[in-house]
Every structure is written in C-alpha cells, then in structure tokens.
Amino acid sequence: MIIPPVGGVGGGLSLGAVEGLSQGGQPGAAEGGSFGGELTEAISSLEKTQDSASSASQALATGTVSDPETAVVTVEDAQMAMELAAQLRTKATEATQSIFNTQV
C-alpha cells in the first residue's frame, strides 16, 4: 500500500510491511519483500520527499519558482510525511518497550 502525499506532489510512504501484517501474513508479504527492505524503501521515499521540499523551498526563496502554490504544497507534504514517520517511530519504540517489560 502506498500512501500518496496530499496534492499528489512528491513521493508517498510505502507501508507494504504493515499491510502484510494486517492481513495476517509475514512482514512485507503484501509486496513479496522483507520487513527490512520495506523499511529501507519507506525511509528512502521519505528522504526523496525531504529533498524535493528542500529544493522547492530554495526555489521559492530565490524567486525562481514558476508556481508558488506547488512549492508550498511540496513543503507541506514533506512536513506531513516527516510527522507520520515520527509518529510511527514513537509507536514502534513504545511497543518494543512494552514487549521488553512484559513479565513471563
């Protein structure tokens, strides 16, 4: 499953590993990859989104952009993607801590 950014500008965040788990399969079973591969792909997509936002904001600041609305949407998409990644990281950290604190 690919979550497209708002406005369709930039890259989306691939959540194939999470989809595979929700369907009762192995991590990454939705697209046939491993969990590590899906995680690497998602981080790569996030990095591309951040790079495009950086270049769009630089073009906006220098006045070389032809459509300011597209540049603003690109930056907002990158911000939302980063917030999603941060929330996923926080939830994963909390889940890991919960597992380690479980009494057997």
N, C-alpha and C. Protein backbone atom coordinates (compact mmCIF):
# COMPACT_ATOMS: atom_id res chain seq x y z
N MET A 1 0.85 -1.18 0.00
CA MET A 1 0.00 0.00 0.00
C MET A 1 0.89 1.23 0.00
N ILE A 2 0.63 2.15 -0.89
CA ILE A 2 1.38 3.39 -0.93
C ILE A 2 0.45 4.52 -0.55
N ILE A 3 0.84 5.30 0.42
CA ILE A 3 0.04 6.45 0.83
C ILE A 3 0.55 7.65 0.07
N PRO A 4 -0.24 8.16 -0.88
CA PRO A 4 0.24 9.30 -1.65
C PRO A 4 0.17 10.57 -0.82
N PRO A 5 1.08 11.48 -1.06
CA PRO A 5 1.03 12.74 -0.33
C PRO A 5 -0.15 13.57 -0.81
N VAL A 6 -0.58 14.50 0.02
CA VAL A 6 -1.68 15.38 -0.34
C VAL A 6 -1.30 16.20 -1.56
N GLY A 7 -2.17 16.32 -2.51
CA GLY A 7 -1.90 17.09 -3.71
C GLY A 7 -1.19 16.30 -4.78
N GLY A 8 -0.76 15.08 -4.48
CA GLY A 8 -0.10 14.24 -5.47
C GLY A 8 1.30 14.68 -5.84
N VAL A 9 1.92 15.57 -5.07
CA VAL A 9 3.27 16.05 -5.37
C VAL A 9 4.25 15.31 -4.49
N GLY A 10 5.39 14.92 -5.04
CA GLY A 10 6.42 14.25 -4.25
C GLY A 10 6.16 12.76 -4.16
N GLY A 11 6.91 12.08 -3.28
CA GLY A 11 6.79 10.64 -3.14
C GLY A 11 5.85 10.27 -2.01
N GLY A 12 5.36 9.06 -2.04
CA GLY A 12 4.50 8.57 -0.99
C GLY A 12 5.29 7.72 -0.02
N LEU A 13 4.65 7.31 1.04
CA LEU A 13 5.29 6.48 2.05
C LEU A 13 4.77 5.07 1.89
N SER A 14 5.63 4.11 1.59
CA SER A 14 5.24 2.73 1.36
C SER A 14 5.05 2.03 2.70
N LEU A 15 3.88 1.44 2.87
CA LEU A 15 3.60 0.72 4.10
C LEU A 15 3.24 -0.73 3.80
N GLY A 16 3.91 -1.31 2.82
CA GLY A 16 3.63 -2.68 2.43
C GLY A 16 3.86 -3.67 3.56
N ALA A 17 4.85 -3.44 4.40
CA ALA A 17 5.14 -4.35 5.50
C ALA A 17 4.01 -4.32 6.52
N VAL A 18 3.48 -3.15 6.80
CA VAL A 18 2.39 -3.03 7.75
C VAL A 18 1.14 -3.69 7.18
N GLU A 19 0.89 -3.51 5.89
CA GLU A 19 -0.26 -4.13 5.24
C GLU A 19 -0.15 -5.65 5.31
N GLY A 20 1.04 -6.18 5.11
CA GLY A 20 1.24 -7.61 5.18
C GLY A 20 0.93 -8.16 6.56
N LEU A 21 1.29 -7.41 7.60
CA LEU A 21 0.99 -7.84 8.95
C LEU A 21 -0.50 -7.78 9.23
N SER A 22 -1.17 -6.72 8.73
CA SER A 22 -2.60 -6.58 9.00
C SER A 22 -3.41 -7.65 8.29
N GLN A 23 -2.87 -8.25 7.23
CA GLN A 23 -3.56 -9.31 6.52
C GLN A 23 -3.20 -10.69 7.08
N GLY A 24 -2.48 -10.71 8.17
CA GLY A 24 -2.15 -11.97 8.81
C GLY A 24 -0.95 -12.67 8.21
N GLY A 25 -0.24 -12.01 7.34
CA GLY A 25 0.90 -12.63 6.68
C GLY A 25 2.21 -12.27 7.35
N GLN A 26 3.27 -12.62 6.70
CA GLN A 26 4.60 -12.27 7.16
C GLN A 26 4.86 -10.80 6.88
N PRO A 27 5.79 -10.17 7.62
CA PRO A 27 6.13 -8.79 7.30
C PRO A 27 6.57 -8.66 5.85
N GLY A 28 5.97 -7.71 5.15
CA GLY A 28 6.33 -7.48 3.76
C GLY A 28 5.66 -8.44 2.79
N ALA A 29 4.74 -9.26 3.28
CA ALA A 29 4.11 -10.25 2.42
C ALA A 29 3.24 -9.61 1.34
N ALA A 30 2.82 -8.37 1.56
CA ALA A 30 1.94 -7.71 0.60
C ALA A 30 2.65 -7.50 -0.73
N GLU A 31 3.93 -7.23 -0.72
CA GLU A 31 4.66 -6.98 -1.95
C GLU A 31 5.80 -7.97 -2.15
N GLY A 32 5.89 -8.97 -1.32
CA GLY A 32 6.87 -10.01 -1.50
C GLY A 32 8.25 -9.68 -0.98
N GLY A 33 8.45 -8.54 -0.30
CA GLY A 33 9.76 -8.16 0.21
C GLY A 33 9.86 -8.46 1.69
N SER A 34 11.05 -8.24 2.21
CA SER A 34 11.25 -8.44 3.64
C SER A 34 10.89 -7.16 4.39
N PHE A 35 10.73 -7.27 5.68
CA PHE A 35 10.41 -6.10 6.50
C PHE A 35 11.52 -5.06 6.40
N GLY A 36 12.77 -5.51 6.45
CA GLY A 36 13.90 -4.60 6.33
C GLY A 36 13.92 -3.88 5.00
N GLY A 37 13.59 -4.60 3.94
CA GLY A 37 13.54 -3.99 2.61
C GLY A 37 12.44 -2.94 2.51
N GLU A 38 11.29 -3.25 3.08
CA GLU A 38 10.17 -2.30 3.06
C GLU A 38 10.51 -1.07 3.89
N LEU A 39 11.16 -1.27 5.02
CA LEU A 39 11.56 -0.15 5.86
C LEU A 39 12.58 0.73 5.15
N THR A 40 13.53 0.12 4.48
CA THR A 40 14.53 0.87 3.71
C THR A 40 13.86 1.66 2.60
N GLU A 41 12.90 1.04 1.93
CA GLU A 41 12.18 1.73 0.85
C GLU A 41 11.38 2.93 1.39
N ALA A 42 10.74 2.76 2.54
CA ALA A 42 9.96 3.85 3.14
C ALA A 42 10.86 5.01 3.54
N ILE A 43 12.02 4.70 4.11
CA ILE A 43 12.96 5.75 4.51
C ILE A 43 13.53 6.45 3.29
N SER A 44 13.80 5.69 2.25
CA SER A 44 14.28 6.29 1.00
C SER A 44 13.24 7.23 0.41
N SER A 45 11.99 6.82 0.43
CA SER A 45 10.91 7.65 -0.07
C SER A 45 10.78 8.93 0.75
N LEU A 46 10.92 8.80 2.06
CA LEU A 46 10.87 9.97 2.94
C LEU A 46 12.01 10.92 2.64
N GLU A 47 13.20 10.37 2.39
CA GLU A 47 14.36 11.20 2.07
C GLU A 47 14.15 11.95 0.75
N LYS A 48 13.58 11.28 -0.25
CA LYS A 48 13.30 11.93 -1.53
C LYS A 48 12.29 13.06 -1.36
N THR A 49 11.28 12.83 -0.53
CA THR A 49 10.28 13.86 -0.26
C THR A 49 10.93 15.07 0.40
N GLN A 50 11.82 14.82 1.35
CA GLN A 50 12.51 15.92 2.03
C GLN A 50 13.42 16.68 1.08
N ASP A 51 14.09 15.95 0.19
CA ASP A 51 14.97 16.61 -0.79
C ASP A 51 14.18 17.50 -1.75
N SER A 52 13.02 17.00 -2.20
CA SER A 52 12.21 17.80 -3.12
C SER A 52 11.64 19.02 -2.41
N ALA A 53 11.30 18.89 -1.14
CA ALA A 53 10.82 20.04 -0.37
C ALA A 53 11.92 21.07 -0.16
N SER A 54 13.12 20.59 0.05
CA SER A 54 14.26 21.50 0.23
C SER A 54 14.52 22.30 -1.04
N SER A 55 14.50 21.62 -2.18
CA SER A 55 14.74 22.34 -3.44
C SER A 55 13.57 23.27 -3.77
N ALA A 56 12.34 22.87 -3.44
CA ALA A 56 11.18 23.73 -3.69
C ALA A 56 11.22 24.97 -2.82
N SER A 57 11.59 24.81 -1.56
CA SER A 57 11.66 25.97 -0.67
C SER A 57 12.80 26.90 -1.07
N GLN A 58 13.90 26.33 -1.54
CA GLN A 58 15.01 27.17 -2.00
C GLN A 58 14.61 27.94 -3.26
N ALA A 59 13.89 27.29 -4.16
CA ALA A 59 13.42 27.97 -5.37
C ALA A 59 12.40 29.05 -5.02
N LEU A 60 11.58 28.77 -4.03
CA LEU A 60 10.59 29.77 -3.58
C LEU A 60 11.28 30.97 -2.97
N ALA A 61 12.32 30.73 -2.19
CA ALA A 61 13.04 31.82 -1.53
C ALA A 61 13.81 32.68 -2.53
N THR A 62 14.33 32.07 -3.57
CA THR A 62 15.11 32.84 -4.56
C THR A 62 14.23 33.44 -5.65
N GLY A 63 12.95 33.05 -5.68
CA GLY A 63 12.03 33.60 -6.67
C GLY A 63 12.12 32.96 -8.03
N THR A 64 12.73 31.80 -8.13
CA THR A 64 12.88 31.12 -9.42
C THR A 64 11.77 30.12 -9.70
N VAL A 65 10.83 29.97 -8.79
CA VAL A 65 9.74 29.02 -8.98
C VAL A 65 8.63 29.68 -9.81
N SER A 66 8.06 28.92 -10.75
CA SER A 66 7.01 29.48 -11.60
C SER A 66 5.63 29.36 -10.96
N ASP A 67 5.43 28.33 -10.11
CA ASP A 67 4.15 28.13 -9.45
C ASP A 67 4.38 28.02 -7.93
N PRO A 68 4.21 29.12 -7.20
CA PRO A 68 4.46 29.10 -5.75
C PRO A 68 3.56 28.13 -4.99
N GLU A 69 2.34 27.92 -5.49
CA GLU A 69 1.42 27.02 -4.80
C GLU A 69 1.97 25.59 -4.78
N THR A 70 2.54 25.15 -5.88
CA THR A 70 3.12 23.81 -5.95
C THR A 70 4.28 23.66 -4.97
N ALA A 71 5.09 24.71 -4.85
CA ALA A 71 6.22 24.66 -3.92
C ALA A 71 5.74 24.56 -2.48
N VAL A 72 4.70 25.32 -2.14
CA VAL A 72 4.15 25.29 -0.79
C VAL A 72 3.54 23.93 -0.49
N VAL A 73 2.83 23.36 -1.46
CA VAL A 73 2.22 22.04 -1.28
C VAL A 73 3.31 20.98 -1.09
N THR A 74 4.39 21.09 -1.84
CA THR A 74 5.50 20.14 -1.71
C THR A 74 6.11 20.19 -0.31
N VAL A 75 6.30 21.40 0.21
CA VAL A 75 6.87 21.55 1.56
C VAL A 75 5.90 21.01 2.61
N GLU A 76 4.61 21.28 2.45
CA GLU A 76 3.61 20.76 3.40
C GLU A 76 3.55 19.23 3.36
N ASP A 77 3.63 18.65 2.16
CA ASP A 77 3.65 17.19 2.03
C ASP A 77 4.84 16.59 2.77
N ALA A 78 5.99 17.22 2.62
CA ALA A 78 7.19 16.73 3.30
C ALA A 78 7.05 16.83 4.81
N GLN A 79 6.42 17.90 5.28
CA GLN A 79 6.22 18.07 6.72
C GLN A 79 5.29 16.99 7.25
N MET A 80 4.20 16.72 6.53
CA MET A 80 3.26 15.69 6.98
C MET A 80 3.90 14.30 6.94
N ALA A 81 4.71 14.02 5.93
CA ALA A 81 5.40 12.73 5.83
C ALA A 81 6.37 12.55 7.00
N MET A 82 7.07 13.63 7.36
CA MET A 82 8.00 13.54 8.49
C MET A 82 7.25 13.35 9.80
N GLU A 83 6.12 14.02 9.96
CA GLU A 83 5.32 13.83 11.18
C GLU A 83 4.81 12.40 11.28
N LEU A 84 4.38 11.83 10.15
CA LEU A 84 3.93 10.44 10.14
C LEU A 84 5.07 9.50 10.52
N ALA A 85 6.24 9.72 9.95
CA ALA A 85 7.39 8.88 10.27
C ALA A 85 7.76 8.98 11.75
N ALA A 86 7.68 10.19 12.30
CA ALA A 86 7.99 10.37 13.72
C ALA A 86 6.97 9.66 14.60
N GLN A 87 5.69 9.71 14.23
CA GLN A 87 4.67 9.01 14.99
C GLN A 87 4.85 7.50 14.91
N LEU A 88 5.18 7.00 13.72
CA LEU A 88 5.43 5.56 13.58
C LEU A 88 6.62 5.12 14.42
N ARG A 89 7.68 5.94 14.43
CA ARG A 89 8.86 5.63 15.25
C ARG A 89 8.50 5.60 16.73
N THR A 90 7.70 6.57 17.18
CA THR A 90 7.30 6.63 18.58
C THR A 90 6.48 5.41 18.95
N LYS A 91 5.52 5.04 18.11
CA LYS A 91 4.68 3.87 18.40
C LYS A 91 5.50 2.58 18.41
N ALA A 92 6.45 2.46 17.49
CA ALA A 92 7.29 1.27 17.45
C ALA A 92 8.17 1.19 18.70
N THR A 93 8.69 2.32 19.14
CA THR A 93 9.51 2.36 20.35
C THR A 93 8.69 1.98 21.57
N GLU A 94 7.47 2.52 21.67
CA GLU A 94 6.60 2.18 22.79
C GLU A 94 6.24 0.70 22.79
N ALA A 95 5.96 0.15 21.62
CA ALA A 95 5.62 -1.27 21.52
C ALA A 95 6.80 -2.15 21.94
N THR A 96 8.00 -1.77 21.49
CA THR A 96 9.19 -2.53 21.86
C THR A 96 9.43 -2.48 23.36
N GLN A 97 9.28 -1.31 23.95
CA GLN A 97 9.45 -1.18 25.40
C GLN A 97 8.41 -2.00 26.15
N SER A 98 7.19 -2.00 25.64
CA SER A 98 6.13 -2.78 26.26
C SER A 98 6.45 -4.28 26.21
N ILE A 99 6.97 -4.73 25.11
CA ILE A 99 7.33 -6.16 24.98
C ILE A 99 8.45 -6.52 25.94
N PHE A 100 9.46 -5.66 26.04
CA PHE A 100 10.57 -5.95 26.93
C PHE A 100 10.18 -5.89 28.40
N ASN A 101 9.15 -5.13 28.73
CA ASN A 101 8.72 -5.01 30.12
C ASN A 101 7.68 -6.05 30.50
N THR A 102 7.29 -6.91 29.57
CA THR A 102 6.30 -7.94 29.84
C THR A 102 6.90 -9.03 30.71
N GLN A 103 6.20 -9.34 31.80
CA GLN A 103 6.64 -10.41 32.71
C GLN A 103 6.24 -11.77 32.10
N VAL A 104 7.17 -12.71 32.13
CA VAL A 104 6.87 -14.03 31.60
C VAL A 104 6.62 -14.99 32.72
